[in-house]
Amino acid sequence: MDPLEAWTDFNVAMAGATAALAGLVIVAASVNIADIVKAVSLTARLAAGISSLVLALSVSALGLIPEFSTILYGACVLVLAVVSGVFQSVATRRIYENVDPANRWRLAKAAIGFVAPGLYAAGGIALLIGEPVGLLLFAFGAVVAIMTALLVSWVVLVEVLR
């Protein structure tokens, strides 16, 4: 049995969940978009959160492609994880540029966004070297991406309404 076949139900569930959540986050943010874009660090953090959901959605969708080789899957996921990491890197820079005394917990704000792309990158590397544990790392990455994206989105929406 193809290792990806065992993950079909999980990938279907994650693709649906992450697509719905990404849509909800975008709609929720659009209500206050004028205020969000005024705060550069909030805009970057929200973009990083959305990129985590897009990463989870993309990885789950790619995992549903019939007869997709695990090595090609690993390579694609590694590229996507790096792209998502770029969004988080921009958010990190913006977090540290914000010198407002109310901007506390900078390290935690920055670090949390790297967990999901890191798990996906590790999983991609594992698949590239032939280790099927990469698929499990993708599952953890999906769950973490949802958790962190929702947390970051909630914080951004609360901060913009203060």
N, C-alpha and C. Protein backbone atom coordinates (compact mmCIF):
# COMPACT_ATOMS: atom_id res chain seq x y z
N MET A 1 0.84 -1.18 0.00
CA MET A 1 0.00 0.00 0.00
C MET A 1 0.89 1.25 0.00
N ASP A 2 0.50 2.22 -0.81
CA ASP A 2 1.20 3.50 -0.87
C ASP A 2 1.05 4.20 0.48
N PRO A 3 2.17 4.71 1.06
CA PRO A 3 2.09 5.36 2.37
C PRO A 3 1.12 6.54 2.40
N LEU A 4 0.97 7.24 1.29
CA LEU A 4 0.06 8.38 1.26
C LEU A 4 -1.41 7.96 1.35
N GLU A 5 -1.73 6.78 0.85
CA GLU A 5 -3.11 6.31 0.89
C GLU A 5 -3.64 6.21 2.31
N ALA A 6 -2.79 5.82 3.23
CA ALA A 6 -3.21 5.69 4.63
C ALA A 6 -3.59 7.04 5.24
N TRP A 7 -3.14 8.13 4.63
CA TRP A 7 -3.39 9.47 5.15
C TRP A 7 -4.51 10.20 4.40
N THR A 8 -5.21 9.51 3.51
CA THR A 8 -6.23 10.16 2.69
C THR A 8 -7.32 10.83 3.54
N ASP A 9 -7.90 10.09 4.48
CA ASP A 9 -8.97 10.67 5.29
C ASP A 9 -8.48 11.87 6.09
N PHE A 10 -7.29 11.76 6.64
CA PHE A 10 -6.72 12.89 7.40
C PHE A 10 -6.54 14.10 6.48
N ASN A 11 -5.98 13.88 5.30
CA ASN A 11 -5.75 14.99 4.37
C ASN A 11 -7.05 15.63 3.91
N VAL A 12 -8.08 14.82 3.69
CA VAL A 12 -9.38 15.37 3.30
C VAL A 12 -9.92 16.26 4.43
N ALA A 13 -9.85 15.76 5.65
CA ALA A 13 -10.34 16.53 6.80
C ALA A 13 -9.54 17.82 6.98
N MET A 14 -8.22 17.74 6.88
CA MET A 14 -7.38 18.94 7.07
C MET A 14 -7.58 19.95 5.95
N ALA A 15 -7.72 19.47 4.72
CA ALA A 15 -7.94 20.40 3.61
C ALA A 15 -9.23 21.17 3.82
N GLY A 16 -10.28 20.48 4.20
CA GLY A 16 -11.55 21.15 4.44
C GLY A 16 -11.49 22.11 5.62
N ALA A 17 -10.90 21.65 6.70
CA ALA A 17 -10.83 22.48 7.91
C ALA A 17 -9.98 23.72 7.69
N THR A 18 -8.82 23.55 7.08
CA THR A 18 -7.94 24.71 6.90
C THR A 18 -8.50 25.69 5.88
N ALA A 19 -9.16 25.20 4.85
CA ALA A 19 -9.77 26.11 3.88
C ALA A 19 -10.88 26.93 4.55
N ALA A 20 -11.70 26.28 5.34
CA ALA A 20 -12.78 26.99 6.04
C ALA A 20 -12.21 28.01 7.02
N LEU A 21 -11.21 27.60 7.78
CA LEU A 21 -10.62 28.53 8.76
C LEU A 21 -9.92 29.70 8.09
N ALA A 22 -9.21 29.45 7.00
CA ALA A 22 -8.55 30.55 6.29
C ALA A 22 -9.60 31.55 5.80
N GLY A 23 -10.69 31.05 5.28
CA GLY A 23 -11.76 31.94 4.84
C GLY A 23 -12.35 32.75 5.98
N LEU A 24 -12.59 32.10 7.09
CA LEU A 24 -13.14 32.81 8.25
C LEU A 24 -12.18 33.86 8.79
N VAL A 25 -10.91 33.54 8.84
CA VAL A 25 -9.91 34.50 9.33
C VAL A 25 -9.86 35.72 8.40
N ILE A 26 -9.88 35.47 7.10
CA ILE A 26 -9.84 36.58 6.15
C ILE A 26 -11.09 37.45 6.27
N VAL A 27 -12.24 36.83 6.40
CA VAL A 27 -13.48 37.61 6.56
C VAL A 27 -13.44 38.40 7.86
N ALA A 28 -13.03 37.77 8.95
CA ALA A 28 -12.97 38.46 10.24
C ALA A 28 -11.99 39.63 10.18
N ALA A 29 -10.87 39.44 9.52
CA ALA A 29 -9.88 40.51 9.42
C ALA A 29 -10.38 41.63 8.52
N SER A 30 -11.12 41.28 7.48
CA SER A 30 -11.57 42.30 6.53
C SER A 30 -12.52 43.30 7.17
N VAL A 31 -13.21 42.91 8.22
CA VAL A 31 -14.11 43.82 8.92
C VAL A 31 -13.34 44.99 9.52
N ASN A 32 -12.12 44.73 9.98
CA ASN A 32 -11.28 45.76 10.59
C ASN A 32 -10.00 46.02 9.81
N ILE A 33 -10.02 45.77 8.51
CA ILE A 33 -8.79 45.82 7.73
C ILE A 33 -8.14 47.20 7.75
N ALA A 34 -8.92 48.28 7.78
CA ALA A 34 -8.34 49.63 7.79
C ALA A 34 -7.48 49.83 9.03
N ASP A 35 -7.94 49.33 10.17
CA ASP A 35 -7.17 49.46 11.41
C ASP A 35 -5.99 48.49 11.44
N ILE A 36 -6.16 47.32 10.88
CA ILE A 36 -5.08 46.32 10.88
C ILE A 36 -3.91 46.81 10.05
N VAL A 37 -4.17 47.37 8.88
CA VAL A 37 -3.06 47.78 8.02
C VAL A 37 -2.31 48.99 8.58
N LYS A 38 -2.91 49.71 9.50
CA LYS A 38 -2.21 50.83 10.14
C LYS A 38 -1.10 50.33 11.07
N ALA A 39 -1.27 49.15 11.59
CA ALA A 39 -0.27 48.55 12.50
C ALA A 39 0.52 47.51 11.71
N VAL A 40 1.72 47.90 11.27
CA VAL A 40 2.52 47.05 10.39
C VAL A 40 2.79 45.68 11.01
N SER A 41 3.06 45.65 12.31
CA SER A 41 3.36 44.35 12.92
C SER A 41 2.13 43.45 12.94
N LEU A 42 0.95 44.04 13.13
CA LEU A 42 -0.27 43.22 13.11
C LEU A 42 -0.54 42.67 11.72
N THR A 43 -0.33 43.49 10.71
CA THR A 43 -0.53 43.04 9.33
C THR A 43 0.39 41.87 9.00
N ALA A 44 1.65 42.00 9.39
CA ALA A 44 2.62 40.93 9.11
C ALA A 44 2.29 39.67 9.89
N ARG A 45 1.86 39.82 11.13
CA ARG A 45 1.52 38.64 11.94
C ARG A 45 0.29 37.94 11.38
N LEU A 46 -0.69 38.71 10.94
CA LEU A 46 -1.89 38.12 10.36
C LEU A 46 -1.53 37.39 9.06
N ALA A 47 -0.68 38.01 8.25
CA ALA A 47 -0.25 37.35 7.00
C ALA A 47 0.48 36.05 7.30
N ALA A 48 1.31 36.05 8.34
CA ALA A 48 2.03 34.83 8.71
C ALA A 48 1.05 33.76 9.18
N GLY A 49 0.04 34.16 9.95
CA GLY A 49 -0.97 33.20 10.40
C GLY A 49 -1.74 32.59 9.24
N ILE A 50 -2.12 33.44 8.30
CA ILE A 50 -2.82 32.95 7.12
C ILE A 50 -1.91 32.05 6.29
N SER A 51 -0.63 32.41 6.20
CA SER A 51 0.29 31.57 5.42
C SER A 51 0.43 30.18 6.04
N SER A 52 0.31 30.09 7.37
CA SER A 52 0.35 28.76 8.02
C SER A 52 -0.86 27.93 7.62
N LEU A 53 -2.02 28.58 7.55
CA LEU A 53 -3.22 27.85 7.12
C LEU A 53 -3.11 27.45 5.65
N VAL A 54 -2.58 28.33 4.82
CA VAL A 54 -2.39 28.01 3.41
C VAL A 54 -1.38 26.86 3.26
N LEU A 55 -0.36 26.87 4.10
CA LEU A 55 0.62 25.78 4.10
C LEU A 55 -0.07 24.45 4.43
N ALA A 56 -0.86 24.44 5.49
CA ALA A 56 -1.56 23.20 5.88
C ALA A 56 -2.53 22.76 4.79
N LEU A 57 -3.24 23.71 4.21
CA LEU A 57 -4.19 23.39 3.13
C LEU A 57 -3.45 22.81 1.92
N SER A 58 -2.36 23.46 1.54
CA SER A 58 -1.61 23.01 0.36
C SER A 58 -1.00 21.63 0.55
N VAL A 59 -0.43 21.40 1.73
CA VAL A 59 0.18 20.10 2.00
C VAL A 59 -0.88 19.00 1.99
N SER A 60 -2.03 19.28 2.59
CA SER A 60 -3.10 18.28 2.60
C SER A 60 -3.63 18.02 1.20
N ALA A 61 -3.78 19.08 0.41
CA ALA A 61 -4.26 18.91 -0.97
C ALA A 61 -3.26 18.12 -1.81
N LEU A 62 -1.98 18.45 -1.67
CA LEU A 62 -0.96 17.70 -2.41
C LEU A 62 -0.95 16.23 -2.03
N GLY A 63 -1.23 15.94 -0.76
CA GLY A 63 -1.26 14.57 -0.29
C GLY A 63 -2.40 13.75 -0.87
N LEU A 64 -3.33 14.42 -1.52
CA LEU A 64 -4.47 13.73 -2.12
C LEU A 64 -4.28 13.43 -3.61
N ILE A 65 -3.17 13.88 -4.16
CA ILE A 65 -2.92 13.62 -5.59
C ILE A 65 -2.64 12.13 -5.78
N PRO A 66 -3.40 11.49 -6.64
CA PRO A 66 -3.20 10.05 -6.86
C PRO A 66 -1.80 9.75 -7.39
N GLU A 67 -1.22 8.69 -6.86
CA GLU A 67 0.08 8.18 -7.29
C GLU A 67 1.19 9.22 -7.24
N PHE A 68 1.10 10.13 -6.29
CA PHE A 68 2.13 11.16 -6.08
C PHE A 68 3.27 10.52 -5.33
N SER A 69 4.49 10.66 -5.83
CA SER A 69 5.61 10.02 -5.16
C SER A 69 5.91 10.73 -3.84
N THR A 70 6.30 9.97 -2.84
CA THR A 70 6.58 10.57 -1.54
C THR A 70 7.81 11.48 -1.61
N ILE A 71 8.74 11.18 -2.48
CA ILE A 71 9.92 12.04 -2.61
C ILE A 71 9.53 13.39 -3.22
N LEU A 72 8.72 13.38 -4.26
CA LEU A 72 8.25 14.63 -4.85
C LEU A 72 7.36 15.39 -3.86
N TYR A 73 6.55 14.67 -3.12
CA TYR A 73 5.70 15.26 -2.08
C TYR A 73 6.58 15.95 -1.04
N GLY A 74 7.61 15.28 -0.59
CA GLY A 74 8.53 15.87 0.39
C GLY A 74 9.18 17.13 -0.14
N ALA A 75 9.60 17.10 -1.40
CA ALA A 75 10.25 18.27 -2.00
C ALA A 75 9.28 19.45 -2.09
N CYS A 76 8.06 19.18 -2.53
CA CYS A 76 7.05 20.24 -2.63
C CYS A 76 6.75 20.85 -1.26
N VAL A 77 6.60 20.00 -0.28
CA VAL A 77 6.29 20.48 1.07
C VAL A 77 7.46 21.30 1.63
N LEU A 78 8.67 20.87 1.38
CA LEU A 78 9.83 21.62 1.85
C LEU A 78 9.83 23.04 1.25
N VAL A 79 9.54 23.16 -0.03
CA VAL A 79 9.47 24.48 -0.68
C VAL A 79 8.36 25.32 -0.05
N LEU A 80 7.20 24.72 0.14
CA LEU A 80 6.08 25.45 0.75
C LEU A 80 6.39 25.89 2.18
N ALA A 81 7.08 25.04 2.92
CA ALA A 81 7.45 25.38 4.30
C ALA A 81 8.40 26.57 4.33
N VAL A 82 9.33 26.60 3.38
CA VAL A 82 10.27 27.73 3.31
C VAL A 82 9.52 29.03 2.98
N VAL A 83 8.58 28.96 2.05
CA VAL A 83 7.79 30.15 1.70
C VAL A 83 7.00 30.64 2.91
N SER A 84 6.38 29.72 3.63
CA SER A 84 5.65 30.11 4.84
C SER A 84 6.60 30.68 5.89
N GLY A 85 7.79 30.12 5.98
CA GLY A 85 8.79 30.64 6.90
C GLY A 85 9.22 32.06 6.57
N VAL A 86 9.20 32.41 5.29
CA VAL A 86 9.52 33.78 4.89
C VAL A 86 8.48 34.74 5.45
N PHE A 87 7.20 34.38 5.36
CA PHE A 87 6.16 35.22 5.94
C PHE A 87 6.38 35.40 7.44
N GLN A 88 6.76 34.32 8.11
CA GLN A 88 7.00 34.41 9.55
C GLN A 88 8.24 35.23 9.85
N SER A 89 9.24 35.17 8.99
CA SER A 89 10.44 35.98 9.18
C SER A 89 10.12 37.47 9.09
N VAL A 90 9.27 37.83 8.14
CA VAL A 90 8.84 39.23 8.02
C VAL A 90 8.07 39.64 9.27
N ALA A 91 7.18 38.76 9.73
CA ALA A 91 6.41 39.06 10.95
C ALA A 91 7.35 39.24 12.14
N THR A 92 8.36 38.39 12.23
CA THR A 92 9.32 38.50 13.33
C THR A 92 10.04 39.84 13.30
N ARG A 93 10.47 40.23 12.12
CA ARG A 93 11.14 41.53 12.00
C ARG A 93 10.21 42.66 12.45
N ARG A 94 8.96 42.60 12.03
CA ARG A 94 7.99 43.64 12.39
C ARG A 94 7.70 43.62 13.90
N ILE A 95 7.65 42.44 14.48
CA ILE A 95 7.42 42.34 15.93
C ILE A 95 8.53 43.04 16.68
N TYR A 96 9.76 42.83 16.26
CA TYR A 96 10.91 43.43 16.95
C TYR A 96 11.09 44.91 16.63
N GLU A 97 10.57 45.36 15.49
CA GLU A 97 10.62 46.79 15.16
C GLU A 97 9.62 47.60 15.97
N ASN A 98 8.57 46.96 16.44
CA ASN A 98 7.54 47.64 17.22
C ASN A 98 8.07 47.87 18.63
N VAL A 99 8.43 49.11 18.93
CA VAL A 99 9.04 49.43 20.21
C VAL A 99 8.02 49.91 21.25
N ASP A 100 6.77 49.80 20.94
CA ASP A 100 5.73 50.18 21.90
C ASP A 100 5.90 49.35 23.17
N PRO A 101 5.88 49.99 24.36
CA PRO A 101 6.05 49.24 25.61
C PRO A 101 4.99 48.15 25.81
N ALA A 102 3.84 48.30 25.17
CA ALA A 102 2.80 47.28 25.28
C ALA A 102 3.14 46.03 24.47
N ASN A 103 4.14 46.13 23.60
CA ASN A 103 4.56 44.98 22.79
C ASN A 103 5.49 44.09 23.60
N ARG A 104 4.88 43.27 24.43
CA ARG A 104 5.64 42.35 25.27
C ARG A 104 5.65 40.97 24.62
N TRP A 105 6.42 40.08 25.18
CA TRP A 105 6.48 38.69 24.74
C TRP A 105 6.93 38.57 23.29
N ARG A 106 7.88 39.40 22.89
CA ARG A 106 8.34 39.40 21.49
C ARG A 106 8.83 38.02 21.04
N LEU A 107 9.65 37.40 21.87
CA LEU A 107 10.21 36.11 21.48
C LEU A 107 9.10 35.07 21.28
N ALA A 108 8.14 35.03 22.19
CA ALA A 108 7.04 34.06 22.05
C ALA A 108 6.20 34.36 20.82
N LYS A 109 5.91 35.64 20.58
CA LYS A 109 5.14 36.02 19.40
C LYS A 109 5.84 35.60 18.12
N ALA A 110 7.15 35.75 18.12
CA ALA A 110 7.92 35.41 16.92
C ALA A 110 8.08 33.90 16.77
N ALA A 111 8.41 33.23 17.84
CA ALA A 111 8.73 31.80 17.78
C ALA A 111 7.54 30.93 17.42
N ILE A 112 6.37 31.29 17.93
CA ILE A 112 5.20 30.42 17.73
C ILE A 112 4.89 30.20 16.25
N GLY A 113 5.16 31.21 15.44
CA GLY A 113 4.85 31.09 14.02
C GLY A 113 5.79 30.20 13.23
N PHE A 114 6.94 29.89 13.81
CA PHE A 114 7.91 29.04 13.10
C PHE A 114 7.69 27.54 13.36
N VAL A 115 6.84 27.20 14.32
CA VAL A 115 6.68 25.79 14.69
C VAL A 115 6.09 24.97 13.54
N ALA A 116 4.97 25.42 12.97
CA ALA A 116 4.35 24.65 11.88
C ALA A 116 5.25 24.55 10.66
N PRO A 117 5.79 25.66 10.14
CA PRO A 117 6.70 25.51 8.99
C PRO A 117 7.90 24.63 9.32
N GLY A 118 8.37 24.69 10.56
CA GLY A 118 9.50 23.84 10.96
C GLY A 118 9.14 22.36 10.92
N LEU A 119 7.94 22.04 11.41
CA LEU A 119 7.49 20.64 11.36
C LEU A 119 7.34 20.17 9.91
N TYR A 120 6.77 21.02 9.08
CA TYR A 120 6.61 20.66 7.67
C TYR A 120 7.97 20.51 6.98
N ALA A 121 8.90 21.41 7.27
CA ALA A 121 10.23 21.31 6.67
C ALA A 121 10.91 20.02 7.10
N ALA A 122 10.83 19.70 8.39
CA ALA A 122 11.43 18.46 8.89
C ALA A 122 10.78 17.24 8.23
N GLY A 123 9.46 17.29 8.08
CA GLY A 123 8.76 16.20 7.40
C GLY A 123 9.17 16.06 5.95
N GLY A 124 9.33 17.20 5.27
CA GLY A 124 9.75 17.18 3.87
C GLY A 124 11.13 16.57 3.72
N ILE A 125 12.03 16.96 4.61
CA ILE A 125 13.39 16.41 4.58
C ILE A 125 13.35 14.91 4.85
N ALA A 126 12.53 14.51 5.83
CA ALA A 126 12.41 13.07 6.15
C ALA A 126 11.95 12.28 4.93
N LEU A 127 10.94 12.79 4.22
CA LEU A 127 10.48 12.07 3.04
C LEU A 127 11.54 12.05 1.94
N LEU A 128 12.28 13.13 1.83
CA LEU A 128 13.34 13.17 0.81
C LEU A 128 14.41 12.11 1.05
N ILE A 129 14.65 11.78 2.32
CA ILE A 129 15.66 10.76 2.61
C ILE A 129 15.03 9.38 2.81
N GLY A 130 13.73 9.27 2.49
CA GLY A 130 13.07 7.98 2.52
C GLY A 130 12.48 7.56 3.85
N GLU A 131 12.33 8.48 4.77
CA GLU A 131 11.76 8.16 6.09
C GLU A 131 10.27 8.52 6.11
N PRO A 132 9.39 7.54 6.20
CA PRO A 132 7.95 7.82 6.18
C PRO A 132 7.45 8.58 7.41
N VAL A 133 8.29 8.76 8.43
CA VAL A 133 7.90 9.55 9.59
C VAL A 133 7.56 10.98 9.18
N GLY A 134 8.02 11.39 8.00
CA GLY A 134 7.69 12.72 7.49
C GLY A 134 6.20 12.94 7.40
N LEU A 135 5.45 11.90 7.08
CA LEU A 135 3.99 12.03 6.99
C LEU A 135 3.38 12.33 8.35
N LEU A 136 3.93 11.74 9.39
CA LEU A 136 3.46 12.03 10.75
C LEU A 136 3.81 13.46 11.14
N LEU A 137 4.99 13.92 10.74
CA LEU A 137 5.38 15.31 11.01
C LEU A 137 4.44 16.28 10.29
N PHE A 138 3.98 15.91 9.10
CA PHE A 138 3.01 16.75 8.39
C PHE A 138 1.70 16.83 9.19
N ALA A 139 1.29 15.71 9.78
CA ALA A 139 0.06 15.71 10.58
C ALA A 139 0.20 16.64 11.78
N PHE A 140 1.33 16.54 12.48
CA PHE A 140 1.57 17.45 13.60
C PHE A 140 1.62 18.89 13.11
N GLY A 141 2.24 19.11 11.96
CA GLY A 141 2.32 20.45 11.38
C GLY A 141 0.95 21.02 11.09
N ALA A 142 0.04 20.20 10.60
CA ALA A 142 -1.32 20.66 10.29
C ALA A 142 -2.04 21.10 11.56
N VAL A 143 -1.95 20.30 12.58
CA VAL A 143 -2.62 20.63 13.85
C VAL A 143 -2.01 21.90 14.45
N VAL A 144 -0.71 21.98 14.46
CA VAL A 144 -0.03 23.17 15.00
C VAL A 144 -0.35 24.41 14.16
N ALA A 145 -0.40 24.26 12.85
CA ALA A 145 -0.72 25.39 11.98
C ALA A 145 -2.10 25.95 12.31
N ILE A 146 -3.05 25.07 12.51
CA ILE A 146 -4.41 25.53 12.86
C ILE A 146 -4.40 26.22 14.21
N MET A 147 -3.76 25.61 15.18
CA MET A 147 -3.74 26.20 16.53
C MET A 147 -3.06 27.55 16.54
N THR A 148 -1.89 27.64 15.92
CA THR A 148 -1.16 28.91 15.97
C THR A 148 -1.82 29.98 15.12
N ALA A 149 -2.36 29.61 13.97
CA ALA A 149 -3.02 30.60 13.12
C ALA A 149 -4.26 31.16 13.82
N LEU A 150 -5.01 30.32 14.49
CA LEU A 150 -6.18 30.82 15.22
C LEU A 150 -5.76 31.71 16.38
N LEU A 151 -4.73 31.31 17.09
CA LEU A 151 -4.23 32.12 18.21
C LEU A 151 -3.75 33.48 17.71
N VAL A 152 -2.92 33.48 16.69
CA VAL A 152 -2.39 34.73 16.16
C VAL A 152 -3.52 35.61 15.63
N SER A 153 -4.44 35.02 14.92
CA SER A 153 -5.56 35.79 14.36
C SER A 153 -6.41 36.41 15.46
N TRP A 154 -6.68 35.63 16.50
CA TRP A 154 -7.46 36.15 17.62
C TRP A 154 -6.74 37.32 18.28
N VAL A 155 -5.46 37.16 18.53
CA VAL A 155 -4.68 38.22 19.17
C VAL A 155 -4.67 39.47 18.30
N VAL A 156 -4.48 39.32 17.00
CA VAL A 156 -4.47 40.47 16.11
C VAL A 156 -5.82 41.19 16.16
N LEU A 157 -6.91 40.44 16.10
CA LEU A 157 -8.23 41.06 16.12
C LEU A 157 -8.51 41.75 17.45
N VAL A 158 -8.05 41.16 18.54
CA VAL A 158 -8.24 41.80 19.85
C VAL A 158 -7.38 43.04 19.96
N GLU A 159 -6.12 42.94 19.53
CA GLU A 159 -5.21 44.09 19.64
C GLU A 159 -5.69 45.26 18.80
N VAL A 160 -6.24 45.01 17.63
CA VAL A 160 -6.67 46.10 16.76
C VAL A 160 -7.91 46.80 17.33
N LEU A 161 -8.67 46.12 18.14
CA LEU A 161 -9.88 46.74 18.72
C LEU A 161 -9.63 47.40 20.06
N ARG A 162 -8.38 47.36 20.54
CA ARG A 162 -8.09 48.04 21.81
C ARG A 162 -8.03 49.52 21.63
